[in-house]
Each structure stands twice: as structure tokens, then as C-alpha cells.
N, C-alpha and C. Protein backbone atom coordinates (compact mmCIF):
# COMPACT_ATOMS: atom_id res chain seq x y z
N GLN A 1 21.69 -132.28 -1.83
CA GLN A 1 21.16 -132.17 -3.18
C GLN A 1 19.69 -131.78 -3.15
N VAL A 2 19.29 -130.94 -4.08
CA VAL A 2 17.90 -130.53 -4.23
C VAL A 2 17.52 -130.68 -5.70
N GLN A 3 16.42 -131.37 -5.95
CA GLN A 3 15.90 -131.50 -7.31
C GLN A 3 14.64 -130.66 -7.41
N LEU A 4 14.50 -129.97 -8.53
CA LEU A 4 13.40 -129.03 -8.71
C LEU A 4 12.66 -129.31 -10.00
N VAL A 5 11.32 -129.31 -9.94
CA VAL A 5 10.50 -129.52 -11.12
C VAL A 5 9.40 -128.47 -11.16
N GLU A 6 9.38 -127.68 -12.23
CA GLU A 6 8.37 -126.63 -12.37
C GLU A 6 7.15 -127.14 -13.13
N SER A 7 6.03 -126.49 -12.88
CA SER A 7 4.80 -126.78 -13.62
C SER A 7 3.91 -125.55 -13.57
N GLY A 8 2.87 -125.56 -14.42
CA GLY A 8 1.88 -124.49 -14.37
C GLY A 8 1.98 -123.46 -15.47
N GLY A 9 2.98 -123.58 -16.32
CA GLY A 9 3.09 -122.64 -17.41
C GLY A 9 2.01 -122.86 -18.45
N GLY A 10 1.93 -121.93 -19.39
CA GLY A 10 0.94 -122.06 -20.44
C GLY A 10 0.77 -120.78 -21.22
N LEU A 11 -0.30 -120.74 -22.00
CA LEU A 11 -0.63 -119.58 -22.82
C LEU A 11 -1.79 -118.84 -22.16
N VAL A 12 -1.63 -117.53 -22.01
CA VAL A 12 -2.66 -116.72 -21.37
C VAL A 12 -2.72 -115.37 -22.07
N GLN A 13 -3.88 -114.76 -22.07
CA GLN A 13 -4.02 -113.44 -22.66
C GLN A 13 -3.49 -112.37 -21.71
N ALA A 14 -3.09 -111.26 -22.27
CA ALA A 14 -2.64 -110.13 -21.47
C ALA A 14 -3.74 -109.75 -20.46
N GLY A 15 -3.29 -109.48 -19.23
CA GLY A 15 -4.23 -109.18 -18.16
C GLY A 15 -4.64 -110.39 -17.35
N GLY A 16 -4.32 -111.57 -17.85
CA GLY A 16 -4.69 -112.80 -17.16
C GLY A 16 -3.71 -113.19 -16.07
N SER A 17 -3.96 -114.37 -15.51
CA SER A 17 -3.15 -114.85 -14.40
C SER A 17 -2.71 -116.29 -14.63
N LEU A 18 -1.59 -116.62 -14.02
CA LEU A 18 -1.10 -118.00 -13.97
C LEU A 18 -0.45 -118.22 -12.62
N ARG A 19 -0.46 -119.47 -12.20
CA ARG A 19 0.24 -119.83 -10.96
C ARG A 19 1.25 -120.92 -11.28
N LEU A 20 2.51 -120.61 -11.10
CA LEU A 20 3.56 -121.59 -11.30
C LEU A 20 3.84 -122.32 -9.99
N SER A 21 4.17 -123.58 -10.13
CA SER A 21 4.54 -124.39 -8.97
C SER A 21 5.92 -124.98 -9.18
N CYS A 22 6.60 -125.20 -8.09
CA CYS A 22 7.92 -125.83 -8.13
C CYS A 22 7.96 -126.87 -7.02
N ALA A 23 8.11 -128.12 -7.42
CA ALA A 23 8.21 -129.21 -6.46
C ALA A 23 9.67 -129.53 -6.20
N ALA A 24 10.05 -129.53 -4.95
CA ALA A 24 11.43 -129.78 -4.57
C ALA A 24 11.56 -131.10 -3.85
N SER A 25 12.63 -131.79 -4.10
CA SER A 25 12.95 -133.00 -3.36
C SER A 25 14.34 -132.88 -2.78
N GLY A 26 14.57 -133.53 -1.67
CA GLY A 26 15.85 -133.40 -0.99
C GLY A 26 15.59 -132.93 0.43
N ARG A 27 16.27 -133.52 1.35
CA ARG A 27 16.00 -133.28 2.76
C ARG A 27 16.39 -131.89 3.22
N THR A 28 17.25 -131.19 2.45
CA THR A 28 17.74 -129.89 2.90
C THR A 28 16.98 -128.74 2.27
N PHE A 29 15.81 -129.01 1.71
CA PHE A 29 15.05 -127.97 1.03
C PHE A 29 14.84 -126.73 1.88
N THR A 30 14.51 -126.94 3.14
CA THR A 30 14.16 -125.81 3.98
C THR A 30 15.36 -124.94 4.32
N ARG A 31 16.55 -125.36 4.01
CA ARG A 31 17.73 -124.55 4.30
C ARG A 31 18.03 -123.53 3.21
N TYR A 32 17.32 -123.64 2.10
CA TYR A 32 17.63 -122.82 0.95
C TYR A 32 16.63 -121.70 0.73
N ALA A 33 17.16 -120.57 0.28
CA ALA A 33 16.28 -119.56 -0.31
C ALA A 33 15.81 -120.09 -1.66
N MET A 34 14.60 -119.75 -2.03
CA MET A 34 14.04 -120.21 -3.29
C MET A 34 13.72 -119.02 -4.18
N GLY A 35 14.10 -119.14 -5.44
CA GLY A 35 13.88 -118.05 -6.35
C GLY A 35 13.24 -118.49 -7.65
N TRP A 36 12.70 -117.50 -8.35
CA TRP A 36 12.21 -117.68 -9.71
C TRP A 36 12.98 -116.74 -10.63
N PHE A 37 13.41 -117.29 -11.73
CA PHE A 37 14.07 -116.52 -12.77
C PHE A 37 13.34 -116.78 -14.08
N ARG A 38 13.62 -115.94 -15.07
CA ARG A 38 13.01 -116.16 -16.38
C ARG A 38 14.00 -115.80 -17.47
N GLN A 39 13.78 -116.43 -18.62
CA GLN A 39 14.65 -116.18 -19.76
C GLN A 39 13.82 -116.14 -21.03
N ALA A 40 13.84 -114.99 -21.68
CA ALA A 40 13.15 -114.81 -22.95
C ALA A 40 14.13 -115.12 -24.08
N PRO A 41 13.63 -115.46 -25.26
CA PRO A 41 14.51 -115.78 -26.38
C PRO A 41 15.49 -114.64 -26.67
N GLY A 42 16.76 -115.00 -26.77
CA GLY A 42 17.78 -114.01 -27.10
C GLY A 42 18.19 -113.11 -25.95
N LYS A 43 17.66 -113.39 -24.77
CA LYS A 43 18.00 -112.55 -23.61
C LYS A 43 18.62 -113.39 -22.51
N GLU A 44 19.29 -112.70 -21.59
CA GLU A 44 19.89 -113.40 -20.46
C GLU A 44 18.82 -113.76 -19.44
N ARG A 45 19.15 -114.76 -18.64
CA ARG A 45 18.26 -115.16 -17.56
C ARG A 45 18.22 -114.03 -16.53
N GLU A 46 17.00 -113.67 -16.12
CA GLU A 46 16.87 -112.55 -15.20
C GLU A 46 16.08 -112.94 -13.95
N PHE A 47 16.38 -112.24 -12.88
CA PHE A 47 15.73 -112.48 -11.60
C PHE A 47 14.28 -112.01 -11.65
N VAL A 48 13.39 -112.78 -11.02
CA VAL A 48 11.99 -112.41 -10.91
C VAL A 48 11.60 -112.19 -9.45
N ALA A 49 11.81 -113.21 -8.62
CA ALA A 49 11.40 -113.12 -7.22
C ALA A 49 12.14 -114.18 -6.42
N ALA A 50 12.26 -113.95 -5.11
CA ALA A 50 12.88 -114.94 -4.23
C ALA A 50 12.33 -114.79 -2.83
N ARG A 51 12.41 -115.89 -2.10
CA ARG A 51 11.90 -115.91 -0.72
C ARG A 51 12.88 -116.68 0.13
N SER A 52 13.12 -116.17 1.33
CA SER A 52 14.07 -116.81 2.24
C SER A 52 13.53 -118.15 2.72
N TRP A 53 14.42 -118.95 3.33
CA TRP A 53 14.02 -120.28 3.78
C TRP A 53 12.92 -120.19 4.84
N SER A 54 12.95 -119.14 5.65
CA SER A 54 11.93 -118.99 6.70
C SER A 54 10.66 -118.35 6.17
N GLY A 55 10.76 -117.78 4.95
CA GLY A 55 9.61 -117.06 4.41
C GLY A 55 9.50 -115.64 4.89
N GLY A 56 10.42 -115.20 5.76
CA GLY A 56 10.30 -113.88 6.34
C GLY A 56 10.78 -112.75 5.45
N SER A 57 11.55 -113.09 4.43
CA SER A 57 12.07 -112.06 3.54
C SER A 57 11.77 -112.42 2.10
N THR A 58 11.37 -111.42 1.33
CA THR A 58 11.11 -111.63 -0.09
C THR A 58 11.77 -110.53 -0.91
N LEU A 59 12.10 -110.86 -2.12
CA LEU A 59 12.68 -109.92 -3.08
C LEU A 59 11.89 -110.02 -4.37
N TYR A 60 11.72 -108.89 -5.03
CA TYR A 60 11.05 -108.88 -6.33
C TYR A 60 11.80 -107.97 -7.29
N ALA A 61 11.80 -108.35 -8.56
CA ALA A 61 12.28 -107.45 -9.59
C ALA A 61 11.28 -106.31 -9.72
N ASP A 62 11.78 -105.14 -10.05
CA ASP A 62 10.90 -103.98 -10.17
C ASP A 62 9.80 -104.22 -11.21
N SER A 63 10.13 -104.96 -12.23
CA SER A 63 9.19 -105.17 -13.33
C SER A 63 7.97 -106.01 -12.93
N VAL A 64 8.05 -106.72 -11.80
CA VAL A 64 6.94 -107.58 -11.41
C VAL A 64 6.32 -107.18 -10.06
N LYS A 65 6.89 -106.21 -9.39
CA LYS A 65 6.36 -105.79 -8.09
C LYS A 65 4.89 -105.38 -8.22
N GLY A 66 4.10 -105.87 -7.28
CA GLY A 66 2.68 -105.55 -7.29
C GLY A 66 1.85 -106.46 -8.17
N ARG A 67 2.52 -107.28 -8.99
CA ARG A 67 1.79 -108.19 -9.89
C ARG A 67 2.05 -109.66 -9.55
N PHE A 68 3.27 -109.96 -9.14
CA PHE A 68 3.67 -111.34 -8.84
C PHE A 68 3.85 -111.51 -7.34
N THR A 69 3.55 -112.72 -6.86
CA THR A 69 3.75 -113.05 -5.45
C THR A 69 4.40 -114.41 -5.35
N ILE A 70 5.51 -114.48 -4.62
CA ILE A 70 6.18 -115.75 -4.37
C ILE A 70 5.79 -116.26 -2.99
N SER A 71 5.55 -117.54 -2.91
CA SER A 71 5.22 -118.15 -1.62
C SER A 71 5.85 -119.54 -1.57
N ARG A 72 5.93 -120.09 -0.39
CA ARG A 72 6.50 -121.42 -0.25
C ARG A 72 5.80 -122.16 0.87
N ASP A 73 5.74 -123.46 0.71
CA ASP A 73 5.17 -124.34 1.72
C ASP A 73 6.24 -125.36 2.05
N ASN A 74 6.98 -125.10 3.11
CA ASN A 74 8.10 -125.98 3.45
C ASN A 74 7.64 -127.38 3.84
N ALA A 75 6.45 -127.48 4.39
CA ALA A 75 5.94 -128.79 4.79
C ALA A 75 5.71 -129.68 3.58
N LYS A 76 5.38 -129.05 2.44
CA LYS A 76 5.11 -129.81 1.22
C LYS A 76 6.24 -129.70 0.22
N ASN A 77 7.32 -129.03 0.58
CA ASN A 77 8.45 -128.83 -0.33
C ASN A 77 8.02 -128.21 -1.65
N MET A 78 7.24 -127.16 -1.54
CA MET A 78 6.71 -126.50 -2.73
C MET A 78 6.99 -125.00 -2.69
N VAL A 79 7.19 -124.44 -3.87
CA VAL A 79 7.31 -123.00 -4.04
C VAL A 79 6.36 -122.59 -5.15
N PHE A 80 5.75 -121.42 -5.00
CA PHE A 80 4.75 -120.97 -5.97
C PHE A 80 5.07 -119.56 -6.44
N LEU A 81 4.63 -119.28 -7.64
CA LEU A 81 4.71 -117.91 -8.16
C LEU A 81 3.34 -117.58 -8.74
N GLN A 82 2.60 -116.74 -8.04
CA GLN A 82 1.32 -116.26 -8.54
C GLN A 82 1.57 -115.04 -9.40
N MET A 83 1.14 -115.11 -10.65
CA MET A 83 1.39 -114.04 -11.60
C MET A 83 0.06 -113.47 -12.05
N ASN A 84 -0.17 -112.21 -11.74
CA ASN A 84 -1.39 -111.52 -12.12
C ASN A 84 -1.08 -110.38 -13.08
N SER A 85 -2.10 -109.89 -13.74
CA SER A 85 -1.95 -108.76 -14.68
C SER A 85 -0.79 -109.02 -15.64
N LEU A 86 -0.77 -110.17 -16.23
CA LEU A 86 0.34 -110.55 -17.09
C LEU A 86 0.40 -109.68 -18.34
N LYS A 87 1.63 -109.44 -18.78
CA LYS A 87 1.90 -108.62 -19.96
C LYS A 87 2.65 -109.45 -20.99
N PRO A 88 2.58 -109.08 -22.26
CA PRO A 88 3.33 -109.82 -23.28
C PRO A 88 4.83 -109.88 -22.96
N GLU A 89 5.36 -108.86 -22.32
CA GLU A 89 6.79 -108.85 -21.99
C GLU A 89 7.14 -109.82 -20.86
N ASP A 90 6.15 -110.44 -20.24
CA ASP A 90 6.41 -111.49 -19.25
C ASP A 90 6.65 -112.84 -19.91
N THR A 91 6.47 -112.91 -21.22
CA THR A 91 6.69 -114.16 -21.94
C THR A 91 8.13 -114.62 -21.81
N ALA A 92 8.32 -115.84 -21.33
CA ALA A 92 9.66 -116.38 -21.10
C ALA A 92 9.53 -117.81 -20.59
N VAL A 93 10.66 -118.47 -20.51
CA VAL A 93 10.74 -119.72 -19.75
C VAL A 93 11.07 -119.35 -18.31
N TYR A 94 10.28 -119.88 -17.39
CA TYR A 94 10.44 -119.56 -15.98
C TYR A 94 11.11 -120.74 -15.26
N PHE A 95 12.14 -120.40 -14.50
CA PHE A 95 12.94 -121.40 -13.79
C PHE A 95 12.84 -121.21 -12.29
N CYS A 96 12.74 -122.31 -11.60
CA CYS A 96 12.80 -122.34 -10.15
C CYS A 96 14.24 -122.64 -9.75
N ALA A 97 14.71 -122.02 -8.67
CA ALA A 97 16.09 -122.21 -8.26
C ALA A 97 16.19 -122.20 -6.73
N ALA A 98 17.19 -122.92 -6.24
CA ALA A 98 17.46 -122.97 -4.80
C ALA A 98 18.88 -122.52 -4.55
N GLY A 99 19.07 -121.69 -3.55
CA GLY A 99 20.40 -121.22 -3.24
C GLY A 99 20.45 -120.54 -1.89
N ARG A 100 21.63 -120.11 -1.56
CA ARG A 100 21.79 -119.33 -0.33
C ARG A 100 23.03 -118.48 -0.46
N PRO A 101 22.98 -117.26 0.09
CA PRO A 101 21.83 -116.69 0.79
C PRO A 101 20.78 -116.16 -0.19
N LEU A 102 19.73 -115.56 0.35
CA LEU A 102 18.72 -114.92 -0.48
C LEU A 102 19.36 -113.82 -1.31
N GLY A 103 19.10 -113.80 -2.61
CA GLY A 103 19.71 -112.78 -3.43
C GLY A 103 19.10 -112.67 -4.80
N PHE A 104 19.56 -111.64 -5.54
CA PHE A 104 19.08 -111.36 -6.89
C PHE A 104 19.93 -112.07 -7.95
N ASP A 105 21.14 -112.43 -7.59
CA ASP A 105 22.12 -112.90 -8.56
C ASP A 105 21.93 -114.39 -8.84
N LYS A 106 21.81 -114.73 -10.11
CA LYS A 106 21.62 -116.14 -10.45
C LYS A 106 22.81 -116.99 -10.03
N ASN A 107 23.97 -116.38 -9.88
CA ASN A 107 25.15 -117.14 -9.46
C ASN A 107 25.09 -117.56 -7.99
N ASP A 108 24.14 -117.01 -7.24
CA ASP A 108 23.96 -117.41 -5.85
C ASP A 108 23.13 -118.69 -5.72
N TYR A 109 22.59 -119.14 -6.83
CA TYR A 109 21.67 -120.28 -6.80
C TYR A 109 22.37 -121.52 -7.34
N ASP A 110 22.30 -122.59 -6.55
CA ASP A 110 23.05 -123.80 -6.85
C ASP A 110 22.26 -124.83 -7.64
N TYR A 111 20.94 -124.84 -7.46
CA TYR A 111 20.11 -125.88 -8.07
C TYR A 111 19.02 -125.22 -8.91
N TRP A 112 18.76 -125.85 -10.06
CA TRP A 112 17.81 -125.29 -11.01
C TRP A 112 16.90 -126.36 -11.56
N GLY A 113 15.65 -125.95 -11.82
CA GLY A 113 14.76 -126.81 -12.56
C GLY A 113 14.97 -126.62 -14.05
N ARG A 114 14.19 -127.35 -14.84
CA ARG A 114 14.33 -127.27 -16.30
C ARG A 114 13.48 -126.18 -16.92
N GLY A 115 12.58 -125.63 -16.16
CA GLY A 115 11.81 -124.50 -16.65
C GLY A 115 10.43 -124.86 -17.16
N THR A 116 9.56 -123.86 -17.20
CA THR A 116 8.22 -124.01 -17.75
C THR A 116 7.91 -122.76 -18.57
N GLN A 117 7.33 -122.97 -19.74
CA GLN A 117 7.09 -121.87 -20.67
C GLN A 117 5.84 -121.10 -20.28
N VAL A 118 5.98 -119.78 -20.25
CA VAL A 118 4.85 -118.88 -20.07
C VAL A 118 4.77 -117.98 -21.30
N THR A 119 3.62 -117.97 -21.96
CA THR A 119 3.42 -117.13 -23.13
C THR A 119 2.19 -116.26 -22.90
N VAL A 120 2.39 -114.95 -23.03
CA VAL A 120 1.31 -114.00 -22.83
C VAL A 120 1.01 -113.34 -24.17
N SER A 121 -0.19 -113.52 -24.65
CA SER A 121 -0.58 -112.96 -25.95
C SER A 121 -1.22 -111.58 -25.74
N SER A 122 -1.02 -110.73 -26.73
CA SER A 122 -1.56 -109.37 -26.64
C SER A 122 -2.97 -109.30 -27.20
């Protein structure tokens, strides 16, 4: 079992930055790929970024490449999403997820946090 709790969301102006954190509990954390997804009102949950358990492989949605960076600290059971150059279209609830193998599909992820709201004003 893995429990996930996100933090770090908030309101930011376009062009600004935020850093999301995800705290994981459970002894098997390091066995899982970790991902970030987001869901805007009226839209389906979509993939944002993911990182393998070893940290050697990362995936990004095209819409965030070059702006967002996912990282993880297995020693502290933490995953981070650094978001730079934020745009109004990045506004959504952001979810942390754990799954295997590393992938884009939300169905590959078994454990989810409750999400943190990110709002980007124009």
C-alpha cells in the first residue's frame, strides 16, 4: 500500500512558478513509478509527467515539456513537480500517483492522492 498527499498548490500569475510536493508513505514506495496528472473542470484527467522508480527515465506531456520538471527523493519518500512559465491553461487540480510500469496512462497507476489546486491567472 502507498498513501500519497499533495501540497504546494495555489494561485499564481501567468509566467510564474510553483513547486508541488507529494509525500508518500508505505515501505514499497521505491518500487513504483511516480506520476503527476491534472484535471481541469469539465475535462478528463490528463497525464503531466512521470519518473521511474530509479529516476533514470522521465516522461512529459508535450504541453509541459521545457516548463515542468519532475523529480523524486526516494530517501525522503517525496516527489516534486517544479512548474515554471505557468499559463492559464495549466489551471487544474494536480494529482500525484504511484504505479508500474512507467507510463502515460492513468490506468497504469494504482494509488492516488486527493489533489492540490493550481490556478494561474492571466
